[in-house]
């Protein structure tokens, strides 16, 4: 059976094909890329305002262009790859899936950063057509799992390990701390957060992710010198 075309709008039916379509359908659209770009710019700008005002130890001596690079690294690895992991997992199981930003959430995020120098991320979410507990659980687990993997990759290059305060090491520090935070936050089993859907699907998988996160926090101590 031929692959149906990729739709860039919400169209879970894929007319003419049975549902669910259990075939790999990877793709994106100009609409999704625009939403991801907008959210990335707003989040990066918000982090720059935060770092400029609070001047944590790790970034206190950086120039503006360096702060932009650090913030971009944080957002691309922590936010973009988190959402892409949700998307690819959903598409792997045959579901339509794309990221959509929240204009209200982004405006609120930017307002808090500029007016109050606070970080609060409400960029939007990855939409998908999965309805089963299993698929929802697996799609949800992909996000924080990706954050944990990225944090583990960044850890050996962080200043705490290398003893260096060079820009690449500061970027690794930022990637480590924010990916650890995002994994921790998203594993809270409440409301629309990933943790609730993971726990409902498979308590054992949820427990493994929580233990890995705790071990990362205890062993890597990612928040020291960055969020203070």
C-alpha atoms as a PDB file:
ATOM      1  CA  UNK A   1       0.000   0.000   0.000  1.00  0.00           C
ATOM      2  CA  UNK A   2       1.395   3.404  -0.995  1.00  0.00           C
ATOM      3  CA  UNK A   3       2.264   5.981   1.621  1.00  0.00           C
ATOM      4  CA  UNK A   4      -0.354   8.724   2.034  1.00  0.00           C
ATOM      5  CA  UNK A   5       0.898  12.282   1.567  1.00  0.00           C
ATOM      6  CA  UNK A   6       2.187  14.217   4.559  1.00  0.00           C
ATOM      7  CA  UNK A   7      -0.318  16.771   5.822  1.00  0.00           C
ATOM      8  CA  UNK A   8       0.816  20.016   7.431  1.00  0.00           C
ATOM      9  CA  UNK A   9      -2.539  20.582   9.107  1.00  0.00           C
ATOM     10  CA  UNK A  10      -4.429  18.576  11.688  1.00  0.00           C
ATOM     11  CA  UNK A  11      -5.835  15.727   9.653  1.00  0.00           C
ATOM     12  CA  UNK A  12      -5.818  12.514  11.662  1.00  0.00           C
ATOM     13  CA  UNK A  13      -8.032  10.632   9.239  1.00  0.00           C
ATOM     14  CA  UNK A  14      -5.675  10.446   6.261  1.00  0.00           C
ATOM     15  CA  UNK A  15      -8.655   9.883   3.906  1.00  0.00           C
ATOM     16  CA  UNK A  16      -8.688   6.585   2.107  1.00  0.00           C
ATOM     17  CA  UNK A  17      -6.466   4.789   4.616  1.00  0.00           C
ATOM     18  CA  UNK A  18      -7.427   2.733   7.658  1.00  0.00           C
ATOM     19  CA  UNK A  19      -6.789   4.123  11.125  1.00  0.00           C
ATOM     20  CA  UNK A  20      -4.459   3.924  12.893  1.00  0.00           C
ATOM     21  CA  UNK A  21      -1.901   3.894  10.120  1.00  0.00           C
ATOM     22  CA  UNK A  22       0.819   1.636  11.523  1.00  0.00           C
ATOM     23  CA  UNK A  23       3.600   2.756   9.263  1.00  0.00           C
ATOM     24  CA  UNK A  24       6.476   5.139   9.730  1.00  0.00           C
ATOM     25  CA  UNK A  25       5.582   8.572   8.400  1.00  0.00           C
ATOM     26  CA  UNK A  26       8.294  11.088   9.198  1.00  0.00           C
ATOM     27  CA  UNK A  27       7.871  14.618   7.988  1.00  0.00           C
ATOM     28  CA  UNK A  28       7.430  18.261   8.869  1.00  0.00           C
ATOM     29  CA  UNK A  29       5.899  21.333   7.305  1.00  0.00           C
ATOM     30  CA  UNK A  30       6.613  25.060   6.851  1.00  0.00           C
ATOM     31  CA  UNK A  31       3.960  25.746   9.472  1.00  0.00           C
ATOM     32  CA  UNK A  32       5.685  23.615  12.087  1.00  0.00           C
ATOM     33  CA  UNK A  33       9.123  25.023  11.281  1.00  0.00           C
ATOM     34  CA  UNK A  34       7.780  28.560  11.660  1.00  0.00           C
ATOM     35  CA  UNK A  35       6.258  27.729  15.048  1.00  0.00           C
ATOM     36  CA  UNK A  36       9.500  26.102  16.231  1.00  0.00           C
ATOM     37  CA  UNK A  37      11.547  29.086  15.064  1.00  0.00           C
ATOM     38  CA  UNK A  38       9.268  31.569  16.822  1.00  0.00           C
ATOM     39  CA  UNK A  39       9.368  29.628  20.088  1.00  0.00           C
ATOM     40  CA  UNK A  40      13.150  29.215  19.843  1.00  0.00           C
ATOM     41  CA  UNK A  41      13.709  32.957  19.351  1.00  0.00           C
ATOM     42  CA  UNK A  42      11.435  33.910  22.251  1.00  0.00           C
ATOM     43  CA  UNK A  43      12.937  31.360  24.651  1.00  0.00           C
ATOM     44  CA  UNK A  44      16.493  32.316  23.674  1.00  0.00           C
ATOM     45  CA  UNK A  45      15.725  35.995  24.197  1.00  0.00           C
ATOM     46  CA  UNK A  46      14.147  35.278  27.581  1.00  0.00           C
ATOM     47  CA  UNK A  47      17.171  33.297  28.789  1.00  0.00           C
ATOM     48  CA  UNK A  48      19.518  36.095  27.666  1.00  0.00           C
ATOM     49  CA  UNK A  49      17.527  38.644  29.697  1.00  0.00           C
ATOM     50  CA  UNK A  50      17.644  36.298  32.693  1.00  0.00           C
ATOM     51  CA  UNK A  51      21.395  35.733  32.467  1.00  0.00           C
ATOM     52  CA  UNK A  52      22.122  39.423  31.911  1.00  0.00           C
ATOM     53  CA  UNK A  53      20.180  40.476  34.991  1.00  0.00           C
ATOM     54  CA  UNK A  54      21.068  37.768  37.514  1.00  0.00           C
ATOM     55  CA  UNK A  55      24.623  37.157  36.265  1.00  0.00           C
ATOM     56  CA  UNK A  56      25.171  33.657  37.677  1.00  0.00           C
ATOM     57  CA  UNK A  57      28.783  32.753  38.311  1.00  0.00           C
ATOM     58  CA  UNK A  58      29.201  30.706  35.131  1.00  0.00           C
ATOM     59  CA  UNK A  59      28.104  33.503  32.778  1.00  0.00           C
ATOM     60  CA  UNK A  60      28.879  36.700  34.725  1.00  0.00           C
ATOM     61  CA  UNK A  61      31.885  37.617  32.549  1.00  0.00           C
ATOM     62  CA  UNK A  62      30.392  36.805  29.156  1.00  0.00           C
ATOM     63  CA  UNK A  63      29.672  39.384  26.453  1.00  0.00           C
ATOM     64  CA  UNK A  64      26.181  39.693  24.948  1.00  0.00           C
ATOM     65  CA  UNK A  65      27.069  37.684  21.841  1.00  0.00           C
ATOM     66  CA  UNK A  66      28.427  34.920  24.046  1.00  0.00           C
ATOM     67  CA  UNK A  67      25.250  34.891  26.130  1.00  0.00           C
ATOM     68  CA  UNK A  68      23.229  34.537  22.933  1.00  0.00           C
ATOM     69  CA  UNK A  69      25.306  31.509  21.925  1.00  0.00           C
ATOM     70  CA  UNK A  70      24.889  29.921  25.361  1.00  0.00           C
ATOM     71  CA  UNK A  71      21.139  30.589  25.370  1.00  0.00           C
ATOM     72  CA  UNK A  72      20.749  29.217  21.851  1.00  0.00           C
ATOM     73  CA  UNK A  73      22.574  26.030  22.824  1.00  0.00           C
ATOM     74  CA  UNK A  74      20.307  25.649  25.836  1.00  0.00           C
ATOM     75  CA  UNK A  75      17.102  26.130  23.837  1.00  0.00           C
ATOM     76  CA  UNK A  76      18.050  23.958  20.872  1.00  0.00           C
ATOM     77  CA  UNK A  77      19.150  21.018  23.030  1.00  0.00           C
ATOM     78  CA  UNK A  78      16.641  21.410  25.841  1.00  0.00           C
ATOM     79  CA  UNK A  79      13.480  22.563  24.096  1.00  0.00           C
ATOM     80  CA  UNK A  80      13.731  21.818  20.373  1.00  0.00           C
ATOM     81  CA  UNK A  81      15.136  18.295  20.708  1.00  0.00           C
ATOM     82  CA  UNK A  82      12.625  17.543  23.482  1.00  0.00           C
ATOM     83  CA  UNK A  83       9.733  18.426  21.175  1.00  0.00           C
ATOM     84  CA  UNK A  84      11.285  16.686  18.168  1.00  0.00           C
ATOM     85  CA  UNK A  85      11.648  13.516  20.270  1.00  0.00           C
ATOM     86  CA  UNK A  86       7.910  13.615  21.020  1.00  0.00           C
ATOM     87  CA  UNK A  87       7.161  14.189  17.344  1.00  0.00           C
ATOM     88  CA  UNK A  88       9.386  11.453  15.920  1.00  0.00           C
ATOM     89  CA  UNK A  89       8.102   8.917  18.443  1.00  0.00           C
ATOM     90  CA  UNK A  90       4.496   9.756  17.576  1.00  0.00           C
ATOM     91  CA  UNK A  91       5.203   9.479  13.858  1.00  0.00           C
ATOM     92  CA  UNK A  92       7.038   6.203  14.439  1.00  0.00           C
ATOM     93  CA  UNK A  93       3.767   4.760  15.726  1.00  0.00           C
ATOM     94  CA  UNK A  94       1.840   6.084  12.717  1.00  0.00           C
ATOM     95  CA  UNK A  95       0.359   9.267  14.171  1.00  0.00           C
ATOM     96  CA  UNK A  96       0.194  12.758  12.774  1.00  0.00           C
ATOM     97  CA  UNK A  97       2.374  14.999  14.929  1.00  0.00           C
ATOM     98  CA  UNK A  98       3.617  18.578  14.789  1.00  0.00           C
ATOM     99  CA  UNK A  99       4.696  21.294  17.203  1.00  0.00           C
ATOM    100  CA  UNK A 100       2.463  24.308  17.644  1.00  0.00           C
ATOM    101  CA  UNK A 101       3.514  27.341  19.629  1.00  0.00           C
ATOM    102  CA  UNK A 102       1.273  29.198  22.043  1.00  0.00           C
ATOM    103  CA  UNK A 103       1.294  32.914  21.242  1.00  0.00           C
ATOM    104  CA  UNK A 104      -0.160  33.747  24.634  1.00  0.00           C
ATOM    105  CA  UNK A 105       2.352  31.544  26.413  1.00  0.00           C
ATOM    106  CA  UNK A 106       5.265  32.993  24.472  1.00  0.00           C
ATOM    107  CA  UNK A 107       4.106  36.549  25.135  1.00  0.00           C
ATOM    108  CA  UNK A 108       3.821  35.786  28.851  1.00  0.00           C
ATOM    109  CA  UNK A 109       7.272  34.147  28.848  1.00  0.00           C
ATOM    110  CA  UNK A 110       8.842  37.202  27.203  1.00  0.00           C
ATOM    111  CA  UNK A 111       6.986  39.633  29.479  1.00  0.00           C
ATOM    112  CA  UNK A 112       8.201  37.879  32.630  1.00  0.00           C
ATOM    113  CA  UNK A 113      11.778  37.831  31.333  1.00  0.00           C
ATOM    114  CA  UNK A 114      11.856  41.511  30.331  1.00  0.00           C
ATOM    115  CA  UNK A 115       9.797  43.028  33.132  1.00  0.00           C
ATOM    116  CA  UNK A 116      10.613  40.744  36.067  1.00  0.00           C
ATOM    117  CA  UNK A 117      13.787  38.886  34.913  1.00  0.00           C
ATOM    118  CA  UNK A 118      12.064  35.566  35.582  1.00  0.00           C
ATOM    119  CA  UNK A 119      12.207  32.393  33.510  1.00  0.00           C
ATOM    120  CA  UNK A 120       8.905  30.709  32.759  1.00  0.00           C
ATOM    121  CA  UNK A 121       8.623  28.608  29.636  1.00  0.00           C
ATOM    122  CA  UNK A 122       5.204  28.177  28.047  1.00  0.00           C
ATOM    123  CA  UNK A 123       6.207  27.859  24.389  1.00  0.00           C
ATOM    124  CA  UNK A 124       3.543  25.454  23.204  1.00  0.00           C
ATOM    125  CA  UNK A 125       3.348  21.718  22.691  1.00  0.00           C
ATOM    126  CA  UNK A 126       3.763  18.906  20.194  1.00  0.00           C
ATOM    127  CA  UNK A 127       0.337  17.861  19.010  1.00  0.00           C
ATOM    128  CA  UNK A 128      -0.382  14.321  17.923  1.00  0.00           C
ATOM    129  CA  UNK A 129      -3.299  12.023  17.227  1.00  0.00           C
ATOM    130  CA  UNK A 130      -2.403   9.190  19.605  1.00  0.00           C
ATOM    131  CA  UNK A 131      -5.232   8.163  21.912  1.00  0.00           C
ATOM    132  CA  UNK A 132      -4.080   4.900  23.515  1.00  0.00           C
ATOM    133  CA  UNK A 133      -2.440   4.840  26.942  1.00  0.00           C
ATOM    134  CA  UNK A 134       0.535   2.934  25.527  1.00  0.00           C
ATOM    135  CA  UNK A 135       1.271   5.292  22.647  1.00  0.00           C
ATOM    136  CA  UNK A 136       0.722   8.378  24.799  1.00  0.00           C
ATOM    137  CA  UNK A 137       3.084   6.981  27.408  1.00  0.00           C
ATOM    138  CA  UNK A 138       5.832   6.198  24.928  1.00  0.00           C
ATOM    139  CA  UNK A 139       5.498   9.557  23.186  1.00  0.00           C
ATOM    140  CA  UNK A 140       5.636  11.340  26.537  1.00  0.00           C
ATOM    141  CA  UNK A 141       8.664   9.349  27.740  1.00  0.00           C
ATOM    142  CA  UNK A 142      10.672  10.347  24.675  1.00  0.00           C
ATOM    143  CA  UNK A 143      10.895  13.986  25.809  1.00  0.00           C
ATOM    144  CA  UNK A 144      12.468  13.696  29.277  1.00  0.00           C
ATOM    145  CA  UNK A 145      14.521  10.688  28.163  1.00  0.00           C
ATOM    146  CA  UNK A 146      16.062  12.854  25.454  1.00  0.00           C
ATOM    147  CA  UNK A 147      16.814  15.583  28.011  1.00  0.00           C
ATOM    148  CA  UNK A 148      18.578  13.036  30.226  1.00  0.00           C
ATOM    149  CA  UNK A 149      20.684  11.716  27.350  1.00  0.00           C
ATOM    150  CA  UNK A 150      21.705  15.241  26.332  1.00  0.00           C
ATOM    151  CA  UNK A 151      22.576  16.137  29.934  1.00  0.00           C
ATOM    152  CA  UNK A 152      24.745  13.025  30.229  1.00  0.00           C
ATOM    153  CA  UNK A 153      26.528  13.895  26.981  1.00  0.00           C
ATOM    154  CA  UNK A 154      27.156  17.467  28.165  1.00  0.00           C
ATOM    155  CA  UNK A 155      28.410  16.469  31.625  1.00  0.00           C
ATOM    156  CA  UNK A 156      31.997  15.406  30.649  1.00  0.00           C
ATOM    157  CA  UNK A 157      32.464  18.751  28.878  1.00  0.00           C
ATOM    158  CA  UNK A 158      31.085  20.903  31.699  1.00  0.00           C
ATOM    159  CA  UNK A 159      33.246  23.243  33.733  1.00  0.00           C
ATOM    160  CA  UNK A 160      32.754  21.148  36.826  1.00  0.00           C
ATOM    161  CA  UNK A 161      34.584  18.263  35.143  1.00  0.00           C
ATOM    162  CA  UNK A 162      37.103  20.080  32.981  1.00  0.00           C
ATOM    163  CA  UNK A 163      37.792  22.968  35.354  1.00  0.00           C
ATOM    164  CA  UNK A 164      37.641  25.291  32.346  1.00  0.00           C
ATOM    165  CA  UNK A 165      35.602  28.488  31.995  1.00  0.00           C
ATOM    166  CA  UNK A 166      35.990  28.679  28.208  1.00  0.00           C
ATOM    167  CA  UNK A 167      32.837  29.343  26.184  1.00  0.00           C
ATOM    168  CA  UNK A 168      32.345  25.728  25.003  1.00  0.00           C
ATOM    169  CA  UNK A 169      32.484  24.550  28.621  1.00  0.00           C
ATOM    170  CA  UNK A 170      30.011  27.227  29.721  1.00  0.00           C
ATOM    171  CA  UNK A 171      27.678  26.086  26.952  1.00  0.00           C
ATOM    172  CA  UNK A 172      28.008  22.523  28.252  1.00  0.00           C
ATOM    173  CA  UNK A 173      27.205  23.804  31.762  1.00  0.00           C
ATOM    174  CA  UNK A 174      24.059  25.498  30.460  1.00  0.00           C
ATOM    175  CA  UNK A 175      23.002  22.458  28.444  1.00  0.00           C
ATOM    176  CA  UNK A 176      23.559  20.232  31.479  1.00  0.00           C
ATOM    177  CA  UNK A 177      21.618  22.330  33.969  1.00  0.00           C
ATOM    178  CA  UNK A 178      18.636  23.165  31.778  1.00  0.00           C
ATOM    179  CA  UNK A 179      18.225  19.666  30.356  1.00  0.00           C
ATOM    180  CA  UNK A 180      18.382  18.275  33.886  1.00  0.00           C
ATOM    181  CA  UNK A 181      15.765  20.780  35.002  1.00  0.00           C
ATOM    182  CA  UNK A 182      13.476  20.040  32.049  1.00  0.00           C
ATOM    183  CA  UNK A 183      13.685  16.295  32.639  1.00  0.00           C
ATOM    184  CA  UNK A 184      12.913  16.799  36.332  1.00  0.00           C
ATOM    185  CA  UNK A 185      10.021  19.182  35.738  1.00  0.00           C
ATOM    186  CA  UNK A 186       8.415  17.142  32.980  1.00  0.00           C
ATOM    187  CA  UNK A 187       8.517  13.973  35.088  1.00  0.00           C
ATOM    188  CA  UNK A 188       6.196  15.512  37.684  1.00  0.00           C
ATOM    189  CA  UNK A 189       3.105  13.262  37.434  1.00  0.00           C
ATOM    190  CA  UNK A 190       0.549  16.056  37.397  1.00  0.00           C
ATOM    191  CA  UNK A 191      -1.715  17.757  34.877  1.00  0.00           C
ATOM    192  CA  UNK A 192      -0.605  17.709  31.233  1.00  0.00           C
ATOM    193  CA  UNK A 193       3.053  16.996  32.066  1.00  0.00           C
ATOM    194  CA  UNK A 194       4.818  13.969  30.601  1.00  0.00           C
ATOM    195  CA  UNK A 195       5.216  12.272  33.977  1.00  0.00           C
ATOM    196  CA  UNK A 196       1.517  11.657  34.436  1.00  0.00           C
ATOM    197  CA  UNK A 197       1.147   9.885  31.081  1.00  0.00           C
ATOM    198  CA  UNK A 198       4.342   7.861  31.555  1.00  0.00           C
ATOM    199  CA  UNK A 199       3.277   6.706  35.022  1.00  0.00           C
ATOM    200  CA  UNK A 200      -0.164   5.748  33.749  1.00  0.00           C
ATOM    201  CA  UNK A 201       1.351   3.715  30.919  1.00  0.00           C
ATOM    202  CA  UNK A 202       4.227   1.986  32.711  1.00  0.00           C
ATOM    203  CA  UNK A 203       5.172   2.665  36.357  1.00  0.00           C
ATOM    204  CA  UNK A 204       8.454   0.757  35.920  1.00  0.00           C
ATOM    205  CA  UNK A 205       9.607   3.000  33.075  1.00  0.00           C
ATOM    206  CA  UNK A 206       8.562   6.043  35.086  1.00  0.00           C
ATOM    207  CA  UNK A 207      10.564   4.818  38.097  1.00  0.00           C
ATOM    208  CA  UNK A 208      13.673   4.242  35.955  1.00  0.00           C
ATOM    209  CA  UNK A 209      13.487   7.760  34.527  1.00  0.00           C
ATOM    210  CA  UNK A 210      13.032   9.278  37.982  1.00  0.00           C
ATOM    211  CA  UNK A 211      15.972   7.306  39.437  1.00  0.00           C
ATOM    212  CA  UNK A 212      18.203   8.302  36.514  1.00  0.00           C
ATOM    213  CA  UNK A 213      17.253  11.937  37.033  1.00  0.00           C
ATOM    214  CA  UNK A 214      18.006  11.783  40.764  1.00  0.00           C
ATOM    215  CA  UNK A 215      21.369  10.121  40.118  1.00  0.00           C
ATOM    216  CA  UNK A 216      22.226  12.799  37.574  1.00  0.00           C
ATOM    217  CA  UNK A 217      21.361  15.588  40.020  1.00  0.00           C
ATOM    218  CA  UNK A 218      23.323  14.004  42.866  1.00  0.00           C
ATOM    219  CA  UNK A 219      26.378  12.985  40.865  1.00  0.00           C
ATOM    220  CA  UNK A 220      26.678  15.840  38.338  1.00  0.00           C
ATOM    221  CA  UNK A 221      25.477  18.614  40.686  1.00  0.00           C
ATOM    222  CA  UNK A 222      24.414  20.602  37.602  1.00  0.00           C
ATOM    223  CA  UNK A 223      22.947  23.639  39.374  1.00  0.00           C
ATOM    224  CA  UNK A 224      26.106  24.683  41.212  1.00  0.00           C
ATOM    225  CA  UNK A 225      27.500  27.938  39.858  1.00  0.00           C
ATOM    226  CA  UNK A 226      24.841  28.363  37.173  1.00  0.00           C
ATOM    227  CA  UNK A 227      21.476  28.906  38.821  1.00  0.00           C
ATOM    228  CA  UNK A 228      22.229  30.954  41.898  1.00  0.00           C
END
